[in-house]
Each structure stands twice: as structure tokens, then as C-alpha cells.
Protein backbone atom coordinates (compact mmCIF):
# COMPACT_ATOMS: atom_id res chain seq x y z
CA UNK A 1 2.53 -12.69 -32.17
CA UNK A 2 5.36 -13.04 -29.80
CA UNK A 3 5.90 -13.05 -25.99
CA UNK A 4 8.66 -13.44 -23.13
CA UNK A 5 7.31 -15.73 -20.84
CA UNK A 6 9.65 -15.77 -17.32
CA UNK A 7 9.67 -17.54 -14.33
CA UNK A 8 10.97 -16.55 -11.13
CA UNK A 9 11.43 -18.57 -8.00
CA UNK A 10 12.54 -15.94 -5.13
CA UNK A 11 13.77 -16.80 -1.22
CA UNK A 12 12.11 -13.65 0.51
CA UNK A 13 12.16 -12.99 4.47
CA UNK A 14 9.39 -14.19 6.47
CA UNK A 15 8.26 -10.15 7.07
CA UNK A 16 8.07 -10.08 3.01
CA UNK A 17 5.59 -13.76 3.30
CA UNK A 18 3.33 -11.99 5.94
CA UNK A 19 3.31 -8.74 3.97
CA UNK A 20 1.57 -10.05 0.64
CA UNK A 21 0.52 -13.18 1.95
CA UNK A 22 -3.83 -11.87 2.27
CA UNK A 23 -3.76 -10.76 -1.20
CA UNK A 24 -1.37 -13.00 -2.92
CA UNK A 25 -2.32 -16.51 -1.39
CA UNK A 26 -5.41 -16.42 -2.24
CA UNK A 27 -5.48 -15.93 -5.83
CA UNK A 28 -3.42 -18.54 -6.58
CA UNK A 29 -5.14 -21.24 -4.03
CA UNK A 30 -8.60 -19.66 -5.89
CA UNK A 31 -6.81 -20.81 -9.16
CA UNK A 32 -6.20 -24.09 -8.04
CA UNK A 33 -9.84 -24.53 -7.24
CA UNK A 34 -11.19 -23.27 -9.96
CA UNK A 35 -13.14 -26.47 -12.09
CA UNK A 36 -11.01 -25.69 -15.93
CA UNK A 37 -8.12 -26.02 -13.09
CA UNK A 38 -9.20 -29.16 -12.08
CA UNK A 39 -10.35 -30.48 -15.12
CA UNK A 40 -6.31 -29.81 -16.83
CA UNK A 41 -4.82 -32.34 -13.53
CA UNK A 42 -7.73 -34.90 -14.18
CA UNK A 43 -6.69 -34.89 -17.94
CA UNK A 44 -3.12 -35.02 -17.69
CA UNK A 45 -2.94 -37.34 -15.09
CA UNK A 46 -4.95 -39.34 -17.18
CA UNK A 47 -2.98 -38.90 -20.46
CA UNK A 48 0.73 -37.74 -18.93
CA UNK A 49 3.44 -35.53 -20.93
CA UNK A 50 2.50 -36.60 -24.40
CA UNK A 51 3.73 -34.70 -27.41
CA UNK A 52 0.14 -35.20 -28.62
CA UNK A 53 -1.25 -32.89 -25.24
CA UNK A 54 1.73 -30.65 -24.82
CA UNK A 55 0.26 -27.92 -27.22
CA UNK A 56 -2.72 -27.92 -24.98
CA UNK A 57 -1.53 -28.37 -21.28
CA UNK A 58 0.52 -25.09 -22.07
CA UNK A 59 -2.27 -23.34 -23.44
CA UNK A 60 -4.74 -24.84 -20.51
CA UNK A 61 -1.38 -24.16 -17.63
CA UNK A 62 -0.64 -20.66 -19.20
CA UNK A 63 0.82 -17.37 -16.51
CA UNK A 64 -2.88 -16.34 -14.63
CA UNK A 65 -3.29 -15.38 -11.25
CA UNK A 66 -0.18 -13.77 -10.54
CA UNK A 67 0.47 -11.92 -13.60
CA UNK A 68 -2.50 -10.00 -13.07
CA UNK A 69 -0.96 -8.48 -10.23
CA UNK A 70 3.22 -9.24 -11.16
CA UNK A 71 3.65 -5.39 -10.21
CA UNK A 72 3.05 -6.57 -6.53
CA UNK A 73 4.77 -9.25 -7.04
CA UNK A 74 8.13 -6.89 -8.48
CA UNK A 75 7.36 -5.00 -5.36
CA UNK A 76 7.41 -8.39 -2.47
CA UNK A 77 10.27 -9.57 -4.46
CA UNK A 78 12.41 -5.47 -4.33
CA UNK A 79 11.62 -5.72 -0.20
CA UNK A 80 12.30 -9.20 0.92
CA UNK A 81 14.91 -11.05 -1.89
CA UNK A 82 18.12 -11.62 0.10
CA UNK A 83 20.35 -10.93 -2.75
CA UNK A 84 23.26 -13.45 -0.52
CA UNK A 85 20.27 -16.60 -1.49
CA UNK A 86 19.97 -18.10 -5.12
CA UNK A 87 16.70 -17.45 -6.63
CA UNK A 88 15.89 -19.23 -10.11
CA UNK A 89 15.12 -17.09 -13.31
CA UNK A 90 14.08 -18.84 -16.51
CA UNK A 91 12.97 -17.02 -19.50
CA UNK A 92 11.66 -18.21 -22.99
CA UNK A 93 10.73 -16.61 -26.30
CA UNK A 94 6.78 -17.98 -27.14
CA UNK A 95 6.66 -20.04 -24.16
CA UNK A 96 6.12 -20.55 -20.32
CA UNK A 97 9.17 -21.70 -18.39
CA UNK A 98 7.07 -22.62 -15.01
CA UNK A 99 4.35 -24.41 -17.64
CA UNK A 100 6.98 -26.08 -19.29
CA UNK A 101 8.66 -27.28 -16.75
CA UNK A 102 5.66 -28.82 -15.73
CA UNK A 103 5.01 -30.79 -18.21
CA UNK A 104 8.88 -31.91 -18.75
CA UNK A 105 8.69 -33.21 -14.77
CA UNK A 106 5.40 -35.45 -15.60
CA UNK A 107 1.78 -35.44 -13.16
CA UNK A 108 3.45 -37.88 -10.89
CA UNK A 109 6.39 -35.34 -10.57
CA UNK A 110 4.59 -32.48 -10.57
CA UNK A 111 2.14 -33.37 -8.24
CA UNK A 112 4.76 -33.16 -5.31
CA UNK A 113 5.28 -29.00 -6.37
CA UNK A 114 3.18 -26.81 -4.36
CA UNK A 115 1.42 -23.94 -5.92
CA UNK A 116 0.02 -24.00 -9.27
CA UNK A 117 2.52 -23.65 -11.91
CA UNK A 118 4.95 -22.12 -10.37
CA UNK A 119 2.41 -19.51 -8.87
CA UNK A 120 3.64 -20.29 -5.01
CA UNK A 121 4.30 -18.07 -1.53
CA UNK A 122 5.58 -20.14 1.22
CA UNK A 123 6.12 -19.09 5.10
CA UNK A 124 9.50 -20.72 6.33
CA UNK A 125 7.82 -23.05 7.81
CA UNK A 126 6.04 -24.48 4.64
CA UNK A 127 9.31 -24.47 2.67
CA UNK A 128 10.41 -26.78 5.17
CA UNK A 129 7.83 -28.84 4.85
CA UNK A 130 7.98 -29.06 1.33
CA UNK A 131 11.60 -29.77 0.84
CA UNK A 132 11.75 -33.15 0.99
CA UNK A 133 8.89 -33.68 -1.35
CA UNK A 134 10.76 -30.61 -3.71
CA UNK A 135 13.71 -33.26 -3.86
CA UNK A 136 11.89 -36.02 -4.44
CA UNK A 137 10.27 -34.32 -7.79
CA UNK A 138 13.74 -33.54 -8.54
CA UNK A 139 15.33 -36.38 -8.02
CA UNK A 140 16.81 -37.55 -11.25
CA UNK A 141 18.85 -40.33 -12.64
CA UNK A 142 20.95 -39.87 -16.10
CA UNK A 143 17.60 -41.37 -18.26
CA UNK A 144 15.00 -39.31 -16.44
CA UNK A 145 16.94 -36.13 -16.39
CA UNK A 146 17.63 -37.27 -20.19
CA UNK A 147 13.64 -37.92 -21.00
CA UNK A 148 12.86 -34.80 -19.29
CA UNK A 149 14.94 -32.16 -20.75
CA UNK A 150 13.80 -33.55 -24.39
CA UNK A 151 10.32 -32.49 -23.23
CA UNK A 152 11.43 -29.43 -21.33
CA UNK A 153 12.62 -28.64 -24.89
CA UNK A 154 9.92 -28.99 -27.02
CA UNK A 155 7.48 -26.94 -24.43
CA UNK A 156 9.86 -24.46 -24.73
CA UNK A 157 9.71 -24.80 -28.65
CA UNK A 158 13.01 -24.71 -29.17
CA UNK A 159 13.20 -21.20 -27.38
CA UNK A 160 15.27 -22.22 -24.22
CA UNK A 161 18.75 -21.53 -23.90
CA UNK A 162 21.11 -23.77 -22.04
CA UNK A 163 21.02 -21.93 -18.89
CA UNK A 164 17.30 -21.17 -18.72
CA UNK A 165 17.08 -25.66 -19.00
CA UNK A 166 19.35 -25.79 -16.72
CA UNK A 167 17.45 -23.58 -13.77
CA UNK A 168 13.97 -25.12 -14.87
CA UNK A 169 15.17 -28.91 -14.21
CA UNK A 170 18.34 -28.43 -11.55
CA UNK A 171 18.39 -24.63 -10.09
CA UNK A 172 15.26 -25.32 -8.03
CA UNK A 173 16.37 -27.17 -4.96
CA UNK A 174 18.72 -25.62 -3.86
CA UNK A 175 16.84 -22.26 -3.85
CA UNK A 176 14.23 -24.17 -1.73
CA UNK A 177 17.30 -25.35 0.72
CA UNK A 178 19.20 -22.18 0.59
CA UNK A 179 15.58 -20.88 2.61
CA UNK A 180 14.54 -23.55 3.91
CA UNK A 181 18.05 -22.81 5.79
CA UNK A 182 17.96 -19.88 6.35
CA UNK A 183 14.55 -19.56 7.50
CA UNK A 184 12.95 -17.49 4.57
CA UNK A 185 9.74 -18.39 2.79
CA UNK A 186 9.60 -18.54 -1.44
CA UNK A 187 7.84 -16.39 -3.70
CA UNK A 188 7.32 -17.83 -7.56
CA UNK A 189 5.83 -16.34 -10.37
CA UNK A 190 5.09 -17.27 -13.85
CA UNK A 191 4.16 -14.08 -15.76
CA UNK A 192 4.73 -12.19 -18.58
CA UNK A 193 7.00 -9.06 -18.09
């Protein structure tokens, strides 16, 4: 069976965060707090991003919390996105972009990112507070960037295009910085349209 996995990270105005946070933030927090979620993180931290762990990891980190509320997420993006700011959109056939990105980052780098495998809703203050950690997570050397690209390509099952790979490995910090500089929040969701 074929499907299209997507991940979008979009700066949104503060009033949009305030309006949608009561509905969306608790479901992200609840997903991250599930025993299965904490077990996944414990298992991944112990073994790391190895080829043997890839398929199991990607299955367990599949879209969930915001995928079930994607109509609400679309509405928030539509109402709150400032089109003058950059955003990240990545898609892949038969793959989950945010989960693949997490796998490529590895558990140590991924630990710096808020939310749950691409699902996040942050206030402007949280965007500013988390920016240094996000920049550290994506602080590549040529060798670490190459290794991450190999892992990401494998996790996307060779279905991610060059633009998607670049967006996932290099596009997040610029979007985060733009949101911080504009005094905006961030809404990210991994989903199957």
C-alpha cells in the first residue's frame, strides 16, 4: 500500500498560537507521555540510529497526535501563517519525513528538539528559548552532515527528493530564527494527507 507522508513547520502569529494551543498542545504532550512513547525513546537512546533499528523506529515514530487533527492544523496554518516568512515542507512516498529526520539526527541531537517527532506548537517565547538548542541540533560538520544524509535517505526509503532532504537537514534553523525574529510561534505537524 502506498501513502504520502508529509511534515510541515510553519511560523504562525501569536494570536493563532493562543487560539489553537488549548486543543493541540495537550494532545502532543499526551502522546509524548504515553508509556509506549517513553519506551521508544529509552530503546532508541540505548541503541541509537542503526540500520537494524530503522524500520522498527520509523514504525513506532509514525504520525499520530496531530495527524488525527490535521483539519484543525490546516485551519491554524491558513489563519496564522505570515507568508513573508520561510517554512519547511517535506514529503515522501511511503515514508514519514519528521520521523526520518529524527532518525538521521540521532537520539542525542533529537533530544534538543521540542514536541513529538515533528508535532509541536510553540509560543513566541518558547521559540526564542529553544532556538539555541535547535541550532546545536543542526550544527553539522561536513562528515556529520554526510552521515545524516545517508541515514535520512535510507529512512525515506530513497523516496525523498533533494529538496526534501535539504529542507529536513538544513531548513529547520532558518525557519526557527525567522519565527523568533518576527515574534511568531511555530506549528509543526507530521501527517498523511
